[in-house]
Amino acid sequence: MRLLVTRPEPGASATAERLAAMGHEPAVLPCLAVTPLPAKLPPHAAALVITSGQAVPALPATLHGVPVFCVGDATAAKLRMAGFTRVESAQGDAEALAKLIITRRVKGLHVLAVGEHHGQKLAADLRAAGLSVQRRRVYAVARLRAMPEAMRAALVDGNFEGALFYSAETARAFAALRPPGTAAMQAYALSQNVAKGLQGLPWAAIHVAIAPTEADLMAMLA
């Protein structure tokens, strides 16, 4: 299949490589740009909470021994490669992550290392459960404001049979570009929440992964 990959870099290129290895023809259109921010994390954190692998580069080595809770297995693997030794994946979405953290009930301060406008609900849910929480911004996210003309022309010409979406924010950013040609395309969404961001566009169909993991998303393309 000829597929459009919409997630930010460096994930977009990594996904494109996986798709090419599966025999597909991917093209990359990152709809979000991620910029690291100076990380001001308290040194006395009892646990770290990560909602995206984009946060990992900002985490200092001094916290490698601290328990880390994250949404999915891909981020868990990235954390372990960075040197974190006590990593646990919720293998799901933000709701699953909240349940995992509340179940574990680590005593002390939980630090959410998140994007600029991310994690407010998660922080509120954890505080409502009686946990001590601080939210810290470690990266900023900006939407792609204009689609490259060559990409818009390719969509008009029907050059893509499908598009992959990994986050609701990416889905909304793609929809805001008013892309042509989607009525003849299949959308592949990581979760129901991601799919909601696509519903303002016409699609031939919107497919949702059985579980919110890249393996399950890729399984729809096998």
Protein backbone atom coordinates (compact mmCIF):
# COMPACT_ATOMS: atom_id res chain seq x y z
CA MET A 1 0.00 0.00 0.00
CA ARG A 2 1.01 3.62 -0.52
CA LEU A 3 0.79 5.07 3.00
CA LEU A 4 1.12 8.50 4.58
CA VAL A 5 2.88 8.69 7.96
CA THR A 6 1.79 11.74 9.95
CA ARG A 7 3.57 11.38 13.32
CA PRO A 8 6.42 13.72 14.39
CA GLU A 9 10.07 12.96 13.82
CA PRO A 10 12.08 10.97 14.70
CA GLY A 11 9.17 8.51 14.98
CA ALA A 12 7.91 9.22 11.45
CA SER A 13 11.08 8.01 9.75
CA ALA A 14 11.30 4.97 12.02
CA THR A 15 7.71 4.03 11.16
CA ALA A 16 8.39 4.57 7.45
CA GLU A 17 11.31 2.13 7.67
CA ARG A 18 9.07 -0.50 9.30
CA LEU A 19 6.42 -0.04 6.63
CA ALA A 20 8.96 -0.31 3.83
CA ALA A 21 10.27 -3.53 5.37
CA MET A 22 6.68 -4.85 5.24
CA GLY A 23 6.51 -4.10 1.50
CA HIS A 24 4.54 -0.85 1.69
CA GLU A 25 5.41 2.49 0.06
CA PRO A 26 5.48 5.11 2.84
CA ALA A 27 5.74 8.89 2.61
CA VAL A 28 6.34 11.11 5.62
CA LEU A 29 4.29 14.20 6.51
CA PRO A 30 5.03 15.12 10.15
CA CYS A 31 2.01 17.18 11.23
CA LEU A 32 3.65 18.20 14.51
CA ALA A 33 7.11 19.53 15.32
CA VAL A 34 8.55 18.78 18.76
CA THR A 35 11.03 21.15 20.44
CA PRO A 36 12.81 20.17 23.69
CA LEU A 37 12.47 22.57 26.62
CA PRO A 38 14.91 23.00 29.51
CA ALA A 39 13.90 20.31 32.00
CA LYS A 40 13.39 21.60 35.55
CA LEU A 41 12.63 18.38 37.36
CA PRO A 42 12.72 18.14 41.16
CA PRO A 43 15.60 15.91 42.32
CA HIS A 44 13.48 14.25 45.01
CA ALA A 45 10.93 12.57 42.72
CA ALA A 46 9.59 9.27 44.01
CA ALA A 47 8.26 8.30 40.57
CA LEU A 48 8.26 9.64 37.02
CA VAL A 49 5.23 9.58 34.72
CA ILE A 50 5.80 9.73 30.95
CA THR A 51 2.98 10.05 28.42
CA SER A 52 5.18 10.18 25.31
CA GLY A 53 8.60 9.00 24.22
CA GLN A 54 9.30 12.62 23.23
CA ALA A 55 9.97 13.32 26.93
CA VAL A 56 12.76 10.77 27.32
CA PRO A 57 15.71 12.91 26.06
CA ALA A 58 14.97 15.53 28.74
CA LEU A 59 15.23 13.12 31.68
CA PRO A 60 18.50 13.35 33.64
CA ALA A 61 20.67 10.36 34.44
CA THR A 62 20.35 11.16 38.15
CA LEU A 63 16.80 9.74 37.99
CA HIS A 64 17.69 6.45 36.27
CA GLY A 65 16.92 4.47 39.43
CA VAL A 66 13.51 6.08 40.02
CA PRO A 67 10.35 4.10 39.12
CA VAL A 68 8.96 5.26 35.78
CA PHE A 69 5.40 4.70 34.56
CA CYS A 70 4.64 5.16 30.86
CA VAL A 71 1.72 4.63 28.47
CA GLY A 72 3.11 2.03 26.07
CA ASP A 73 5.81 -0.52 25.35
CA ALA A 74 7.61 1.58 22.72
CA THR A 75 8.22 4.35 25.25
CA ALA A 76 9.20 1.76 27.85
CA ALA A 77 11.84 0.41 25.49
CA LYS A 78 13.15 3.92 24.84
CA LEU A 79 13.38 4.56 28.59
CA ARG A 80 15.34 1.34 29.16
CA MET A 81 17.73 2.22 26.32
CA ALA A 82 18.27 5.60 27.98
CA GLY A 83 19.34 3.87 31.19
CA PHE A 84 16.19 3.69 33.32
CA THR A 85 16.04 0.43 35.25
CA ARG A 86 12.60 0.47 36.89
CA VAL A 87 10.20 0.97 34.00
CA GLU A 88 6.59 -0.18 33.84
CA SER A 89 4.28 0.17 30.82
CA ALA A 90 0.51 0.55 31.09
CA GLN A 91 0.22 -1.08 27.64
CA GLY A 92 -2.70 1.17 26.83
CA ASP A 93 -3.81 4.79 26.94
CA ALA A 94 -3.75 7.62 29.51
CA GLU A 95 -6.65 6.04 31.39
CA ALA A 96 -4.76 2.76 31.68
CA LEU A 97 -1.69 4.68 32.83
CA ALA A 98 -3.66 6.41 35.59
CA LYS A 99 -5.05 3.08 36.79
CA LEU A 100 -1.56 1.55 36.88
CA ILE A 101 -0.08 4.43 38.89
CA ILE A 102 -2.97 4.48 41.35
CA THR A 103 -2.69 0.72 41.81
CA ARG A 104 1.06 0.88 42.50
CA ARG A 105 0.69 3.82 44.94
CA VAL A 106 4.36 4.73 45.17
CA LYS A 107 4.80 6.94 48.23
CA GLY A 108 6.08 10.44 47.56
CA LEU A 109 6.13 12.93 44.70
CA HIS A 110 5.04 11.81 41.21
CA VAL A 111 6.58 14.02 38.51
CA LEU A 112 4.80 14.16 35.14
CA ALA A 113 7.36 14.96 32.43
CA VAL A 114 5.08 15.97 29.58
CA GLY A 115 4.55 18.24 26.60
CA GLU A 116 3.68 21.91 26.87
CA HIS A 117 -0.09 21.47 27.03
CA HIS A 118 -0.26 17.82 27.99
CA GLY A 119 -1.06 15.84 31.11
CA GLN A 120 -3.51 18.15 32.88
CA LYS A 121 -6.28 15.54 33.17
CA LEU A 122 -3.86 12.81 34.18
CA ALA A 123 -2.42 15.04 36.90
CA ALA A 124 -5.92 15.87 38.14
CA ASP A 125 -6.93 12.18 38.20
CA LEU A 126 -3.84 11.24 40.20
CA ARG A 127 -4.36 14.07 42.69
CA ALA A 128 -8.01 13.02 43.08
CA ALA A 129 -6.71 9.57 44.04
CA GLY A 130 -4.62 11.12 46.81
CA LEU A 131 -1.22 11.12 45.11
CA SER A 132 1.30 13.96 45.25
CA VAL A 133 1.86 15.26 41.71
CA GLN A 134 3.95 17.91 39.98
CA ARG A 135 3.61 18.49 36.23
CA ARG A 136 6.72 19.66 34.38
CA ARG A 137 6.95 20.67 30.71
CA VAL A 138 9.93 19.13 28.94
CA TYR A 139 8.99 19.70 25.29
CA ALA A 140 6.78 21.95 23.16
CA VAL A 141 4.62 20.88 20.23
CA ALA A 142 3.76 23.04 17.20
CA ARG A 143 1.37 22.15 14.39
CA LEU A 144 2.32 22.12 10.74
CA ARG A 145 0.57 25.26 9.47
CA ALA A 146 0.68 24.66 5.72
CA MET A 147 0.92 21.46 3.73
CA PRO A 148 3.77 21.37 1.19
CA GLU A 149 2.38 21.92 -2.29
CA ALA A 150 3.95 18.70 -3.60
CA MET A 151 2.19 16.70 -0.87
CA ARG A 152 -1.14 18.42 -1.51
CA ALA A 153 -0.79 17.65 -5.22
CA ALA A 154 -0.04 14.01 -4.43
CA LEU A 155 -3.21 13.80 -2.33
CA VAL A 156 -5.25 15.42 -5.09
CA ASP A 157 -3.87 12.84 -7.54
CA GLY A 158 -4.87 9.98 -5.24
CA ASN A 159 -1.31 8.82 -4.64
CA PHE A 160 -2.05 7.39 -1.19
CA GLU A 161 -4.29 4.52 -0.21
CA GLY A 162 -4.07 5.13 3.53
CA ALA A 163 -2.67 7.24 6.36
CA LEU A 164 -1.42 6.34 9.86
CA PHE A 165 -2.24 8.36 12.99
CA TYR A 166 -0.57 7.81 16.35
CA SER A 167 -2.08 10.59 18.48
CA ALA A 168 -5.25 12.65 18.70
CA GLU A 169 -3.18 15.82 18.46
CA THR A 170 -1.63 14.65 15.19
CA ALA A 171 -5.06 13.70 13.85
CA ARG A 172 -6.45 17.16 14.65
CA ALA A 173 -3.40 18.85 13.11
CA PHE A 174 -3.84 16.82 9.90
CA ALA A 175 -7.54 17.65 9.73
CA ALA A 176 -6.79 21.36 10.20
CA LEU A 177 -4.69 21.29 7.02
CA ARG A 178 -7.89 20.52 5.06
CA PRO A 179 -6.24 17.74 3.07
CA PRO A 180 -7.82 16.77 -0.25
CA GLY A 181 -8.43 13.21 -1.38
CA THR A 182 -9.18 11.57 1.96
CA ALA A 183 -12.56 10.24 0.80
CA ALA A 184 -10.70 7.61 -1.21
CA MET A 185 -8.26 6.75 1.62
CA GLN A 186 -8.24 4.42 4.61
CA ALA A 187 -7.31 5.94 8.00
CA TYR A 188 -5.48 3.78 10.55
CA ALA A 189 -5.74 5.11 14.12
CA LEU A 190 -3.89 3.94 17.22
CA SER A 191 -6.98 4.30 19.43
CA GLN A 192 -10.61 5.43 19.53
CA ASN A 193 -9.47 8.79 20.90
CA VAL A 194 -7.18 9.23 17.89
CA ALA A 195 -10.01 8.26 15.54
CA LYS A 196 -12.21 11.01 17.00
CA GLY A 197 -9.76 13.60 15.70
CA LEU A 198 -10.29 12.30 12.16
CA GLN A 199 -14.07 12.33 12.04
CA GLY A 200 -14.32 15.82 10.56
CA LEU A 201 -12.84 14.51 7.31
CA PRO A 202 -14.39 12.18 4.73
CA TRP A 203 -12.69 8.77 4.70
CA ALA A 204 -13.34 5.52 2.88
CA ALA A 205 -13.02 3.96 6.35
CA ILE A 206 -11.40 4.60 9.73
CA HIS A 207 -9.73 1.55 11.27
CA VAL A 208 -8.81 1.44 14.96
CA ALA A 209 -6.12 -0.81 16.43
CA ILE A 210 -7.37 -3.53 18.79
CA ALA A 211 -4.99 -2.19 21.45
CA PRO A 212 -3.17 1.18 21.41
CA THR A 213 0.26 -0.21 20.47
CA GLU A 214 2.28 0.15 17.31
CA ALA A 215 2.30 -3.63 16.89
CA ASP A 216 -1.51 -3.66 16.78
CA LEU A 217 -1.56 -0.69 14.39
CA MET A 218 0.89 -2.44 12.07
CA ALA A 219 -1.12 -5.66 12.30
CA MET A 220 -3.95 -3.93 10.42
CA LEU A 221 -1.55 -3.42 7.51
CA ALA A 222 -0.11 -6.93 7.38
